[in-house]
């Protein structure tokens, strides 16, 4: 396993931004940066020696904080925290005390607030033994959340073409934590729409949402609905595909040894399998993404990718019937997700 690092840029806050490249003997190559703990590329070597880069993004780190990109911002490849997805009402109550959060519009907080973990320059901790370890310390009161939260993300690539990330977090006061990662997958080398991608989520139910995409607490069967991905669905053939998909699925079986979600496309011979410790996969088919020029001048539009976001139930902090997402002093938050790639 080979890991290299390159000092790539200086952020406007004067912190150094690096690009780390992980490469295995099969030629699979992953680039990550400490700005936003972003996955910039995942390149799978094909039988003819060329590469299939299966995630959307940019060639250089500084493009991720450009004004043009932040104005129409889809969170390409970024770490999401302190709290993934939406919190209804932009407020939480922990041990009887209410905390007003920084909102993100539509009466909710989205992906940790106005400036979440996706826009932070993380500290470089370790780069060896096949791993890149980054750390961010979120101060008490950031985006309205209580407690100083210390978060590490560990990126790893092995010889079985499994690329993984792990989160570890501790706090000095009770706080809400629900972390995920926001890679946008297009298995056709990032080209075109994903109409001919086939997606499957190992879930027989989905979480109902209100008009602002906040979960309500109701868990409904997927059978007979357009949200049924319990068997492979070609995305261009689902009912009303232009309406988009932005739905959370509680998995039928939990555990890092279980396949949670999978995908392949007609144009390329690579398959993606997702394994996770988390109870939910949130599926988003980028219907709301703006027109953006990405890597190698590639145009990205709505429906150019899909996201498998692994997490605890969105909005769980406000719904007692959903799993606990309060982290207390003396506890360690931990989650792991694996992306496994196979050439078909």
C-alpha atoms as a PDB file:
ATOM      1  CA  UNK A   1       0.000   0.000   0.000  1.00  0.00           C
ATOM      2  CA  UNK A   2       1.365   3.391  -0.996  1.00  0.00           C
ATOM      3  CA  UNK A   3       0.354   6.777   0.439  1.00  0.00           C
ATOM      4  CA  UNK A   4       1.735  10.103  -0.723  1.00  0.00           C
ATOM      5  CA  UNK A   5       0.926  13.626   0.397  1.00  0.00           C
ATOM      6  CA  UNK A   6       1.233  16.934  -1.385  1.00  0.00           C
ATOM      7  CA  UNK A   7       0.925  20.446  -0.033  1.00  0.00           C
ATOM      8  CA  UNK A   8      -1.616  21.760  -2.523  1.00  0.00           C
ATOM      9  CA  UNK A   9      -2.857  25.167  -1.407  1.00  0.00           C
ATOM     10  CA  UNK A  10      -3.371  27.607   1.418  1.00  0.00           C
ATOM     11  CA  UNK A  11      -6.920  28.179   2.584  1.00  0.00           C
ATOM     12  CA  UNK A  12      -8.076  31.797   3.057  1.00  0.00           C
ATOM     13  CA  UNK A  13      -7.885  31.122   6.827  1.00  0.00           C
ATOM     14  CA  UNK A  14      -4.101  30.592   6.239  1.00  0.00           C
ATOM     15  CA  UNK A  15      -4.175  26.866   7.050  1.00  0.00           C
ATOM     16  CA  UNK A  16      -2.327  24.425   4.795  1.00  0.00           C
ATOM     17  CA  UNK A  17      -4.393  22.202   2.548  1.00  0.00           C
ATOM     18  CA  UNK A  18      -3.006  18.828   1.484  1.00  0.00           C
ATOM     19  CA  UNK A  19      -3.963  16.160  -1.019  1.00  0.00           C
ATOM     20  CA  UNK A  20      -3.328  12.576   0.085  1.00  0.00           C
ATOM     21  CA  UNK A  21      -3.193   9.763  -2.478  1.00  0.00           C
ATOM     22  CA  UNK A  22      -3.816   6.152  -1.428  1.00  0.00           C
ATOM     23  CA  UNK A  23      -2.907   3.464  -3.973  1.00  0.00           C
ATOM     24  CA  UNK A  24      -2.990  -0.335  -3.831  1.00  0.00           C
ATOM     25  CA  UNK A  25      -1.212  -2.952  -5.938  1.00  0.00           C
ATOM     26  CA  UNK A  26      -4.239  -3.314  -8.250  1.00  0.00           C
ATOM     27  CA  UNK A  27      -3.789   0.327  -9.243  1.00  0.00           C
ATOM     28  CA  UNK A  28      -6.883   1.620  -7.441  1.00  0.00           C
ATOM     29  CA  UNK A  29      -6.161   5.208  -6.445  1.00  0.00           C
ATOM     30  CA  UNK A  30      -8.049   7.447  -4.016  1.00  0.00           C
ATOM     31  CA  UNK A  31      -7.374  11.137  -3.409  1.00  0.00           C
ATOM     32  CA  UNK A  32      -8.591  12.897  -0.272  1.00  0.00           C
ATOM     33  CA  UNK A  33      -7.920  16.365   1.082  1.00  0.00           C
ATOM     34  CA  UNK A  34      -7.989  17.790   4.581  1.00  0.00           C
ATOM     35  CA  UNK A  35     -10.272  20.606   3.426  1.00  0.00           C
ATOM     36  CA  UNK A  36     -13.707  19.284   4.352  1.00  0.00           C
ATOM     37  CA  UNK A  37     -12.173  15.790   4.657  1.00  0.00           C
ATOM     38  CA  UNK A  38     -13.266  15.564   1.019  1.00  0.00           C
ATOM     39  CA  UNK A  39     -12.913  12.471  -1.178  1.00  0.00           C
ATOM     40  CA  UNK A  40     -11.748  14.064  -4.426  1.00  0.00           C
ATOM     41  CA  UNK A  41     -11.498  10.936  -6.580  1.00  0.00           C
ATOM     42  CA  UNK A  42     -11.784   7.143  -6.528  1.00  0.00           C
ATOM     43  CA  UNK A  43     -10.104   5.730  -9.623  1.00  0.00           C
ATOM     44  CA  UNK A  44     -10.603   2.064 -10.457  1.00  0.00           C
ATOM     45  CA  UNK A  45      -8.085   0.597 -12.920  1.00  0.00           C
ATOM     46  CA  UNK A  46      -9.808  -1.084 -15.891  1.00  0.00           C
ATOM     47  CA  UNK A  47      -8.646  -4.142 -17.812  1.00  0.00           C
ATOM     48  CA  UNK A  48      -7.243  -1.933 -20.607  1.00  0.00           C
ATOM     49  CA  UNK A  49      -5.126   0.020 -18.119  1.00  0.00           C
ATOM     50  CA  UNK A  50      -7.267   3.167 -18.166  1.00  0.00           C
ATOM     51  CA  UNK A  51      -9.126   4.485 -15.113  1.00  0.00           C
ATOM     52  CA  UNK A  52     -12.778   4.868 -14.173  1.00  0.00           C
ATOM     53  CA  UNK A  53     -13.122   7.744 -11.664  1.00  0.00           C
ATOM     54  CA  UNK A  54     -16.414   6.957  -9.956  1.00  0.00           C
ATOM     55  CA  UNK A  55     -17.041  10.101  -7.858  1.00  0.00           C
ATOM     56  CA  UNK A  56     -17.815  13.682  -8.841  1.00  0.00           C
ATOM     57  CA  UNK A  57     -15.546  16.514  -7.745  1.00  0.00           C
ATOM     58  CA  UNK A  58     -12.776  18.873  -8.783  1.00  0.00           C
ATOM     59  CA  UNK A  59      -9.152  18.601  -9.840  1.00  0.00           C
ATOM     60  CA  UNK A  60      -7.800  21.038  -7.220  1.00  0.00           C
ATOM     61  CA  UNK A  61      -8.775  21.588  -3.557  1.00  0.00           C
ATOM     62  CA  UNK A  62      -9.201  25.348  -3.910  1.00  0.00           C
ATOM     63  CA  UNK A  63     -12.049  24.800  -6.349  1.00  0.00           C
ATOM     64  CA  UNK A  64     -14.098  23.444  -3.437  1.00  0.00           C
ATOM     65  CA  UNK A  65     -14.113  26.836  -1.701  1.00  0.00           C
ATOM     66  CA  UNK A  66     -14.539  29.032  -4.762  1.00  0.00           C
ATOM     67  CA  UNK A  67     -17.366  31.574  -4.613  1.00  0.00           C
ATOM     68  CA  UNK A  68     -19.015  30.127  -7.720  1.00  0.00           C
ATOM     69  CA  UNK A  69     -19.172  26.633  -6.195  1.00  0.00           C
ATOM     70  CA  UNK A  70     -20.312  27.724  -2.738  1.00  0.00           C
ATOM     71  CA  UNK A  71     -23.132  29.767  -4.266  1.00  0.00           C
ATOM     72  CA  UNK A  72     -24.738  26.558  -5.633  1.00  0.00           C
ATOM     73  CA  UNK A  73     -23.379  24.032  -3.198  1.00  0.00           C
ATOM     74  CA  UNK A  74     -24.010  20.248  -3.361  1.00  0.00           C
ATOM     75  CA  UNK A  75     -21.414  19.051  -0.762  1.00  0.00           C
ATOM     76  CA  UNK A  76     -19.338  17.045  -3.270  1.00  0.00           C
ATOM     77  CA  UNK A  77     -17.432  14.307  -1.455  1.00  0.00           C
ATOM     78  CA  UNK A  78     -17.421  16.059   1.923  1.00  0.00           C
ATOM     79  CA  UNK A  79     -17.556  15.078   5.575  1.00  0.00           C
ATOM     80  CA  UNK A  80     -20.939  15.972   7.086  1.00  0.00           C
ATOM     81  CA  UNK A  81     -21.340  17.033  10.722  1.00  0.00           C
ATOM     82  CA  UNK A  82     -22.147  17.631  13.448  1.00  0.00           C
ATOM     83  CA  UNK A  83     -25.465  16.289  12.273  1.00  0.00           C
ATOM     84  CA  UNK A  84     -26.274  14.680   8.941  1.00  0.00           C
ATOM     85  CA  UNK A  85     -29.385  15.555   6.967  1.00  0.00           C
ATOM     86  CA  UNK A  86     -32.140  17.718   8.480  1.00  0.00           C
ATOM     87  CA  UNK A  87     -33.110  18.696  12.019  1.00  0.00           C
ATOM     88  CA  UNK A  88     -36.687  19.975  12.071  1.00  0.00           C
ATOM     89  CA  UNK A  89     -37.147  23.437  13.532  1.00  0.00           C
ATOM     90  CA  UNK A  90     -33.406  24.089  13.779  1.00  0.00           C
ATOM     91  CA  UNK A  91     -33.541  23.346  17.507  1.00  0.00           C
ATOM     92  CA  UNK A  92     -32.702  20.450  19.802  1.00  0.00           C
ATOM     93  CA  UNK A  93     -33.394  19.618  23.441  1.00  0.00           C
ATOM     94  CA  UNK A  94     -30.782  17.705  25.476  1.00  0.00           C
ATOM     95  CA  UNK A  95     -31.341  16.871  29.153  1.00  0.00           C
ATOM     96  CA  UNK A  96     -34.156  19.409  29.350  1.00  0.00           C
ATOM     97  CA  UNK A  97     -32.240  22.324  27.818  1.00  0.00           C
ATOM     98  CA  UNK A  98     -33.126  23.696  24.403  1.00  0.00           C
ATOM     99  CA  UNK A  99     -30.473  24.818  21.952  1.00  0.00           C
ATOM    100  CA  UNK A 100     -31.220  26.989  18.939  1.00  0.00           C
ATOM    101  CA  UNK A 101     -29.207  25.842  15.923  1.00  0.00           C
ATOM    102  CA  UNK A 102     -27.985  27.775  12.922  1.00  0.00           C
ATOM    103  CA  UNK A 103     -30.631  27.078  10.287  1.00  0.00           C
ATOM    104  CA  UNK A 104     -30.101  26.231   6.647  1.00  0.00           C
ATOM    105  CA  UNK A 105     -33.504  27.261   5.300  1.00  0.00           C
ATOM    106  CA  UNK A 106     -36.935  25.630   4.981  1.00  0.00           C
ATOM    107  CA  UNK A 107     -37.399  25.588   8.742  1.00  0.00           C
ATOM    108  CA  UNK A 108     -34.626  23.083   9.407  1.00  0.00           C
ATOM    109  CA  UNK A 109     -30.909  22.722   9.836  1.00  0.00           C
ATOM    110  CA  UNK A 110     -29.219  20.808   7.022  1.00  0.00           C
ATOM    111  CA  UNK A 111     -25.905  18.915   7.278  1.00  0.00           C
ATOM    112  CA  UNK A 112     -24.636  20.661  10.403  1.00  0.00           C
ATOM    113  CA  UNK A 113     -25.551  24.251   9.659  1.00  0.00           C
ATOM    114  CA  UNK A 114     -24.236  27.221   7.737  1.00  0.00           C
ATOM    115  CA  UNK A 115     -20.597  26.159   8.042  1.00  0.00           C
ATOM    116  CA  UNK A 116     -20.405  22.480   8.901  1.00  0.00           C
ATOM    117  CA  UNK A 117     -17.479  20.067   8.920  1.00  0.00           C
ATOM    118  CA  UNK A 118     -17.539  20.121   5.105  1.00  0.00           C
ATOM    119  CA  UNK A 119     -16.008  23.629   5.090  1.00  0.00           C
ATOM    120  CA  UNK A 120     -13.363  23.145   7.780  1.00  0.00           C
ATOM    121  CA  UNK A 121      -9.639  22.580   7.289  1.00  0.00           C
ATOM    122  CA  UNK A 122      -8.986  19.412   9.264  1.00  0.00           C
ATOM    123  CA  UNK A 123      -5.677  18.766  11.023  1.00  0.00           C
ATOM    124  CA  UNK A 124      -3.375  16.092   9.666  1.00  0.00           C
ATOM    125  CA  UNK A 125      -2.740  13.525  12.440  1.00  0.00           C
ATOM    126  CA  UNK A 126      -1.276  10.396  10.803  1.00  0.00           C
ATOM    127  CA  UNK A 127      -0.353   9.331   7.283  1.00  0.00           C
ATOM    128  CA  UNK A 128       1.016   5.777   7.383  1.00  0.00           C
ATOM    129  CA  UNK A 129       0.117   2.084   7.644  1.00  0.00           C
ATOM    130  CA  UNK A 130      -2.376   2.412   4.806  1.00  0.00           C
ATOM    131  CA  UNK A 131      -4.363   5.127   6.577  1.00  0.00           C
ATOM    132  CA  UNK A 132      -4.885   8.867   6.534  1.00  0.00           C
ATOM    133  CA  UNK A 133      -6.142  10.208   9.874  1.00  0.00           C
ATOM    134  CA  UNK A 134      -7.584  13.738  10.056  1.00  0.00           C
ATOM    135  CA  UNK A 135      -8.993  15.588  13.067  1.00  0.00           C
ATOM    136  CA  UNK A 136     -11.288  18.522  13.674  1.00  0.00           C
ATOM    137  CA  UNK A 137     -12.187  20.020  17.061  1.00  0.00           C
ATOM    138  CA  UNK A 138     -15.617  21.618  16.932  1.00  0.00           C
ATOM    139  CA  UNK A 139     -15.880  24.242  19.693  1.00  0.00           C
ATOM    140  CA  UNK A 140     -18.744  24.547  22.130  1.00  0.00           C
ATOM    141  CA  UNK A 141     -21.565  26.544  20.542  1.00  0.00           C
ATOM    142  CA  UNK A 142     -20.491  26.035  16.938  1.00  0.00           C
ATOM    143  CA  UNK A 143     -23.632  26.215  14.765  1.00  0.00           C
ATOM    144  CA  UNK A 144     -25.550  26.149  18.071  1.00  0.00           C
ATOM    145  CA  UNK A 145     -24.430  22.716  19.272  1.00  0.00           C
ATOM    146  CA  UNK A 146     -23.278  22.316  22.894  1.00  0.00           C
ATOM    147  CA  UNK A 147     -19.943  20.842  23.950  1.00  0.00           C
ATOM    148  CA  UNK A 148     -16.440  20.733  22.527  1.00  0.00           C
ATOM    149  CA  UNK A 149     -16.470  17.800  20.105  1.00  0.00           C
ATOM    150  CA  UNK A 150     -13.238  16.164  18.953  1.00  0.00           C
ATOM    151  CA  UNK A 151     -13.714  14.217  15.722  1.00  0.00           C
ATOM    152  CA  UNK A 152     -11.312  12.004  13.796  1.00  0.00           C
ATOM    153  CA  UNK A 153     -11.890  10.529  10.363  1.00  0.00           C
ATOM    154  CA  UNK A 154      -9.764   7.605   9.231  1.00  0.00           C
ATOM    155  CA  UNK A 155      -9.492   6.860   5.512  1.00  0.00           C
ATOM    156  CA  UNK A 156      -8.187   3.415   4.476  1.00  0.00           C
ATOM    157  CA  UNK A 157      -7.670   1.475   1.246  1.00  0.00           C
ATOM    158  CA  UNK A 158      -6.825  -2.242   1.155  1.00  0.00           C
ATOM    159  CA  UNK A 159      -5.766  -4.782  -1.452  1.00  0.00           C
ATOM    160  CA  UNK A 160      -9.338  -6.069  -1.829  1.00  0.00           C
ATOM    161  CA  UNK A 161     -10.404  -2.756  -3.425  1.00  0.00           C
ATOM    162  CA  UNK A 162     -12.218  -1.722  -0.262  1.00  0.00           C
ATOM    163  CA  UNK A 163     -12.010   1.966   0.558  1.00  0.00           C
ATOM    164  CA  UNK A 164     -13.389   2.886   3.973  1.00  0.00           C
ATOM    165  CA  UNK A 165     -13.869   5.768   6.330  1.00  0.00           C
ATOM    166  CA  UNK A 166     -14.279   5.594  10.104  1.00  0.00           C
ATOM    167  CA  UNK A 167     -15.387   8.338  12.457  1.00  0.00           C
ATOM    168  CA  UNK A 168     -14.448   8.562  16.122  1.00  0.00           C
ATOM    169  CA  UNK A 169     -15.696  11.376  18.340  1.00  0.00           C
ATOM    170  CA  UNK A 170     -15.657  12.427  21.999  1.00  0.00           C
ATOM    171  CA  UNK A 171     -17.262  15.349  23.806  1.00  0.00           C
ATOM    172  CA  UNK A 172     -16.932  17.247  27.080  1.00  0.00           C
ATOM    173  CA  UNK A 173     -20.693  17.899  27.325  1.00  0.00           C
ATOM    174  CA  UNK A 174     -23.803  16.084  26.093  1.00  0.00           C
ATOM    175  CA  UNK A 175     -24.334  16.906  22.428  1.00  0.00           C
ATOM    176  CA  UNK A 176     -26.016  15.648  19.270  1.00  0.00           C
ATOM    177  CA  UNK A 177     -23.848  13.732  16.785  1.00  0.00           C
ATOM    178  CA  UNK A 178     -24.780  11.983  13.540  1.00  0.00           C
ATOM    179  CA  UNK A 179     -21.926  11.916  11.005  1.00  0.00           C
ATOM    180  CA  UNK A 180     -21.885  10.801   7.392  1.00  0.00           C
ATOM    181  CA  UNK A 181     -19.997  11.379   4.154  1.00  0.00           C
ATOM    182  CA  UNK A 182     -21.383  12.812   0.942  1.00  0.00           C
ATOM    183  CA  UNK A 183     -19.666  11.234  -2.068  1.00  0.00           C
ATOM    184  CA  UNK A 184     -21.551  11.534  -5.351  1.00  0.00           C
ATOM    185  CA  UNK A 185     -21.127   8.323  -7.354  1.00  0.00           C
ATOM    186  CA  UNK A 186     -21.276   8.021 -11.113  1.00  0.00           C
ATOM    187  CA  UNK A 187     -19.901   4.618 -12.152  1.00  0.00           C
ATOM    188  CA  UNK A 188     -19.532   5.732 -15.777  1.00  0.00           C
ATOM    189  CA  UNK A 189     -16.346   7.730 -15.133  1.00  0.00           C
ATOM    190  CA  UNK A 190     -18.450  10.677 -13.989  1.00  0.00           C
ATOM    191  CA  UNK A 191     -20.035  11.126 -17.409  1.00  0.00           C
ATOM    192  CA  UNK A 192     -23.638  11.993 -18.200  1.00  0.00           C
ATOM    193  CA  UNK A 193     -26.752  11.162 -16.225  1.00  0.00           C
ATOM    194  CA  UNK A 194     -27.238   8.038 -14.140  1.00  0.00           C
ATOM    195  CA  UNK A 195     -30.368   6.882 -15.974  1.00  0.00           C
ATOM    196  CA  UNK A 196     -28.749   3.523 -16.734  1.00  0.00           C
ATOM    197  CA  UNK A 197     -27.429   2.951 -13.223  1.00  0.00           C
ATOM    198  CA  UNK A 198     -28.996   0.079 -11.287  1.00  0.00           C
ATOM    199  CA  UNK A 199     -29.407   0.724  -7.554  1.00  0.00           C
ATOM    200  CA  UNK A 200     -30.381  -1.531  -4.673  1.00  0.00           C
ATOM    201  CA  UNK A 201     -30.869  -0.784  -0.968  1.00  0.00           C
ATOM    202  CA  UNK A 202     -31.363  -3.693   1.405  1.00  0.00           C
ATOM    203  CA  UNK A 203     -34.434  -2.220   3.058  1.00  0.00           C
ATOM    204  CA  UNK A 204     -38.124  -3.079   3.044  1.00  0.00           C
ATOM    205  CA  UNK A 205     -39.176   0.232   4.620  1.00  0.00           C
ATOM    206  CA  UNK A 206     -38.485   3.942   4.243  1.00  0.00           C
ATOM    207  CA  UNK A 207     -38.840   6.959   6.523  1.00  0.00           C
ATOM    208  CA  UNK A 208     -41.750   9.252   5.782  1.00  0.00           C
ATOM    209  CA  UNK A 209     -40.879  12.925   5.237  1.00  0.00           C
ATOM    210  CA  UNK A 210     -42.849  16.147   5.470  1.00  0.00           C
ATOM    211  CA  UNK A 211     -42.903  18.850   2.810  1.00  0.00           C
ATOM    212  CA  UNK A 212     -39.487  20.125   3.936  1.00  0.00           C
ATOM    213  CA  UNK A 213     -37.897  16.648   3.686  1.00  0.00           C
ATOM    214  CA  UNK A 214     -37.768  16.231   7.481  1.00  0.00           C
ATOM    215  CA  UNK A 215     -38.576  12.753   8.727  1.00  0.00           C
ATOM    216  CA  UNK A 216     -41.855  12.513  10.652  1.00  0.00           C
ATOM    217  CA  UNK A 217     -41.201   9.384  12.714  1.00  0.00           C
ATOM    218  CA  UNK A 218     -43.388   7.134  10.568  1.00  0.00           C
ATOM    219  CA  UNK A 219     -41.728   4.063   9.016  1.00  0.00           C
ATOM    220  CA  UNK A 220     -43.550   2.901   5.886  1.00  0.00           C
ATOM    221  CA  UNK A 221     -43.230  -0.162   3.616  1.00  0.00           C
ATOM    222  CA  UNK A 222     -41.534   0.395   0.256  1.00  0.00           C
ATOM    223  CA  UNK A 223     -43.692  -2.186  -1.531  1.00  0.00           C
ATOM    224  CA  UNK A 224     -45.912  -0.569  -4.140  1.00  0.00           C
ATOM    225  CA  UNK A 225     -44.122   2.801  -3.965  1.00  0.00           C
ATOM    226  CA  UNK A 226     -41.513   4.534  -6.131  1.00  0.00           C
ATOM    227  CA  UNK A 227     -39.155   4.158  -3.139  1.00  0.00           C
ATOM    228  CA  UNK A 228     -38.852   0.402  -3.598  1.00  0.00           C
ATOM    229  CA  UNK A 229     -35.170  -0.354  -4.186  1.00  0.00           C
ATOM    230  CA  UNK A 230     -35.269  -3.692  -2.376  1.00  0.00           C
ATOM    231  CA  UNK A 231     -34.480  -5.202  -5.794  1.00  0.00           C
ATOM    232  CA  UNK A 232     -32.355  -3.565  -8.458  1.00  0.00           C
ATOM    233  CA  UNK A 233     -34.038  -0.559 -10.062  1.00  0.00           C
ATOM    234  CA  UNK A 234     -32.697   1.214 -13.141  1.00  0.00           C
ATOM    235  CA  UNK A 235     -32.913   4.861 -12.161  1.00  0.00           C
ATOM    236  CA  UNK A 236     -34.216   6.062 -15.519  1.00  0.00           C
ATOM    237  CA  UNK A 237     -37.145   3.658 -15.292  1.00  0.00           C
ATOM    238  CA  UNK A 238     -38.496   4.399 -11.822  1.00  0.00           C
ATOM    239  CA  UNK A 239     -41.912   6.001 -11.530  1.00  0.00           C
ATOM    240  CA  UNK A 240     -41.683   9.770 -12.145  1.00  0.00           C
ATOM    241  CA  UNK A 241     -37.853   9.807 -12.296  1.00  0.00           C
ATOM    242  CA  UNK A 242     -37.745  13.573 -12.784  1.00  0.00           C
ATOM    243  CA  UNK A 243     -39.226  14.091  -9.312  1.00  0.00           C
ATOM    244  CA  UNK A 244     -35.961  12.918  -7.847  1.00  0.00           C
ATOM    245  CA  UNK A 245     -35.138  10.659  -4.924  1.00  0.00           C
ATOM    246  CA  UNK A 246     -34.144  11.971  -1.477  1.00  0.00           C
ATOM    247  CA  UNK A 247     -35.239   9.237   0.928  1.00  0.00           C
ATOM    248  CA  UNK A 248     -33.888   7.427   4.007  1.00  0.00           C
ATOM    249  CA  UNK A 249     -34.065   3.653   4.284  1.00  0.00           C
ATOM    250  CA  UNK A 250     -33.706   1.795   7.615  1.00  0.00           C
ATOM    251  CA  UNK A 251     -31.762  -1.343   6.770  1.00  0.00           C
ATOM    252  CA  UNK A 252     -33.329  -4.758   7.264  1.00  0.00           C
ATOM    253  CA  UNK A 253     -30.070  -6.153   8.649  1.00  0.00           C
ATOM    254  CA  UNK A 254     -27.416  -4.207  10.514  1.00  0.00           C
ATOM    255  CA  UNK A 255     -23.706  -4.873  10.773  1.00  0.00           C
ATOM    256  CA  UNK A 256     -20.518  -4.105   8.888  1.00  0.00           C
ATOM    257  CA  UNK A 257     -20.546  -7.624   7.419  1.00  0.00           C
ATOM    258  CA  UNK A 258     -23.920  -7.046   5.695  1.00  0.00           C
ATOM    259  CA  UNK A 259     -24.314  -5.455   2.258  1.00  0.00           C
ATOM    260  CA  UNK A 260     -26.342  -2.300   2.855  1.00  0.00           C
ATOM    261  CA  UNK A 261     -26.583  -0.946  -0.697  1.00  0.00           C
ATOM    262  CA  UNK A 262     -25.141  -1.703  -4.126  1.00  0.00           C
ATOM    263  CA  UNK A 263     -24.990  -0.310  -7.639  1.00  0.00           C
ATOM    264  CA  UNK A 264     -23.752  -0.978 -11.157  1.00  0.00           C
ATOM    265  CA  UNK A 265     -24.271   0.698 -14.517  1.00  0.00           C
ATOM    266  CA  UNK A 266     -24.749  -0.449 -18.107  1.00  0.00           C
ATOM    267  CA  UNK A 267     -21.834   1.596 -19.459  1.00  0.00           C
ATOM    268  CA  UNK A 268     -19.003   0.236 -17.263  1.00  0.00           C
ATOM    269  CA  UNK A 269     -18.127  -3.099 -15.682  1.00  0.00           C
ATOM    270  CA  UNK A 270     -17.619  -1.904 -12.086  1.00  0.00           C
ATOM    271  CA  UNK A 271     -19.905  -2.714  -9.167  1.00  0.00           C
ATOM    272  CA  UNK A 272     -20.142  -0.806  -5.883  1.00  0.00           C
ATOM    273  CA  UNK A 273     -21.155  -2.445  -2.607  1.00  0.00           C
ATOM    274  CA  UNK A 274     -21.630  -0.470   0.606  1.00  0.00           C
ATOM    275  CA  UNK A 275     -21.128  -1.941   4.074  1.00  0.00           C
ATOM    276  CA  UNK A 276     -21.768   0.066   7.229  1.00  0.00           C
ATOM    277  CA  UNK A 277     -22.223  -0.011  10.983  1.00  0.00           C
ATOM    278  CA  UNK A 278     -25.059   2.499  10.613  1.00  0.00           C
ATOM    279  CA  UNK A 279     -28.814   1.683  10.595  1.00  0.00           C
ATOM    280  CA  UNK A 280     -29.825   3.885   7.631  1.00  0.00           C
ATOM    281  CA  UNK A 281     -28.826   4.503   4.022  1.00  0.00           C
ATOM    282  CA  UNK A 282     -30.060   7.785   2.602  1.00  0.00           C
ATOM    283  CA  UNK A 283     -30.411   7.683  -1.186  1.00  0.00           C
ATOM    284  CA  UNK A 284     -30.158  10.910  -3.165  1.00  0.00           C
ATOM    285  CA  UNK A 285     -30.032  10.995  -6.958  1.00  0.00           C
ATOM    286  CA  UNK A 286     -28.787  14.598  -7.199  1.00  0.00           C
ATOM    287  CA  UNK A 287     -31.981  15.888  -8.778  1.00  0.00           C
ATOM    288  CA  UNK A 288     -31.336  19.254  -7.138  1.00  0.00           C
ATOM    289  CA  UNK A 289     -27.717  19.626  -8.184  1.00  0.00           C
ATOM    290  CA  UNK A 290     -26.775  22.718 -10.217  1.00  0.00           C
ATOM    291  CA  UNK A 291     -24.855  22.750 -13.478  1.00  0.00           C
ATOM    292  CA  UNK A 292     -21.153  22.579 -12.558  1.00  0.00           C
ATOM    293  CA  UNK A 293     -17.951  21.997 -14.513  1.00  0.00           C
ATOM    294  CA  UNK A 294     -16.012  19.307 -12.666  1.00  0.00           C
ATOM    295  CA  UNK A 295     -12.882  17.237 -13.122  1.00  0.00           C
ATOM    296  CA  UNK A 296     -11.233  17.327 -16.551  1.00  0.00           C
ATOM    297  CA  UNK A 297     -13.832  19.875 -17.702  1.00  0.00           C
ATOM    298  CA  UNK A 298     -16.622  17.323 -17.290  1.00  0.00           C
ATOM    299  CA  UNK A 299     -20.094  18.950 -17.081  1.00  0.00           C
ATOM    300  CA  UNK A 300     -22.193  17.857 -14.118  1.00  0.00           C
ATOM    301  CA  UNK A 301     -25.953  18.450 -14.066  1.00  0.00           C
ATOM    302  CA  UNK A 302     -28.968  17.284 -12.114  1.00  0.00           C
ATOM    303  CA  UNK A 303     -29.156  13.468 -12.084  1.00  0.00           C
ATOM    304  CA  UNK A 304     -25.404  13.153 -12.751  1.00  0.00           C
ATOM    305  CA  UNK A 305     -24.794  10.997  -9.666  1.00  0.00           C
ATOM    306  CA  UNK A 306     -26.258   9.213  -6.676  1.00  0.00           C
ATOM    307  CA  UNK A 307     -25.351   9.270  -2.979  1.00  0.00           C
ATOM    308  CA  UNK A 308     -25.513   6.417  -0.485  1.00  0.00           C
ATOM    309  CA  UNK A 309     -25.250   8.346   2.812  1.00  0.00           C
ATOM    310  CA  UNK A 310     -24.874   6.039   5.811  1.00  0.00           C
ATOM    311  CA  UNK A 311     -26.120   7.467   9.113  1.00  0.00           C
ATOM    312  CA  UNK A 312     -28.560   7.200  11.995  1.00  0.00           C
ATOM    313  CA  UNK A 313     -32.154   8.145  11.171  1.00  0.00           C
ATOM    314  CA  UNK A 314     -32.309  11.814  10.086  1.00  0.00           C
ATOM    315  CA  UNK A 315     -34.000  14.133  12.597  1.00  0.00           C
ATOM    316  CA  UNK A 316     -33.671  11.402  15.257  1.00  0.00           C
ATOM    317  CA  UNK A 317     -32.684  13.994  17.859  1.00  0.00           C
ATOM    318  CA  UNK A 318     -36.283  15.342  17.783  1.00  0.00           C
ATOM    319  CA  UNK A 319     -38.119  11.986  17.472  1.00  0.00           C
ATOM    320  CA  UNK A 320     -38.095   9.822  20.636  1.00  0.00           C
ATOM    321  CA  UNK A 321     -38.967   6.613  18.757  1.00  0.00           C
ATOM    322  CA  UNK A 322     -35.812   6.900  16.631  1.00  0.00           C
ATOM    323  CA  UNK A 323     -32.367   5.765  17.851  1.00  0.00           C
ATOM    324  CA  UNK A 324     -30.428   7.866  20.329  1.00  0.00           C
ATOM    325  CA  UNK A 325     -27.998  10.382  18.820  1.00  0.00           C
ATOM    326  CA  UNK A 326     -26.858  12.093  22.041  1.00  0.00           C
ATOM    327  CA  UNK A 327     -23.179  11.614  22.846  1.00  0.00           C
ATOM    328  CA  UNK A 328     -22.120  12.124  26.469  1.00  0.00           C
ATOM    329  CA  UNK A 329     -18.744  12.698  28.146  1.00  0.00           C
ATOM    330  CA  UNK A 330     -16.895   9.411  28.667  1.00  0.00           C
ATOM    331  CA  UNK A 331     -18.513   7.818  25.589  1.00  0.00           C
ATOM    332  CA  UNK A 332     -16.957   7.385  22.152  1.00  0.00           C
ATOM    333  CA  UNK A 333     -18.936   7.832  18.970  1.00  0.00           C
ATOM    334  CA  UNK A 334     -17.887   5.369  16.279  1.00  0.00           C
ATOM    335  CA  UNK A 335     -19.033   4.549  12.774  1.00  0.00           C
ATOM    336  CA  UNK A 336     -17.483   2.804   9.782  1.00  0.00           C
ATOM    337  CA  UNK A 337     -18.500   2.580   6.132  1.00  0.00           C
ATOM    338  CA  UNK A 338     -16.813   0.533   3.405  1.00  0.00           C
ATOM    339  CA  UNK A 339     -17.062   1.074  -0.353  1.00  0.00           C
ATOM    340  CA  UNK A 340     -16.102  -2.158  -2.088  1.00  0.00           C
ATOM    341  CA  UNK A 341     -15.417  -2.113  -5.837  1.00  0.00           C
ATOM    342  CA  UNK A 342     -15.520  -5.167  -8.094  1.00  0.00           C
ATOM    343  CA  UNK A 343     -14.931  -5.417 -11.825  1.00  0.00           C
ATOM    344  CA  UNK A 344     -17.780  -7.429 -13.324  1.00  0.00           C
END
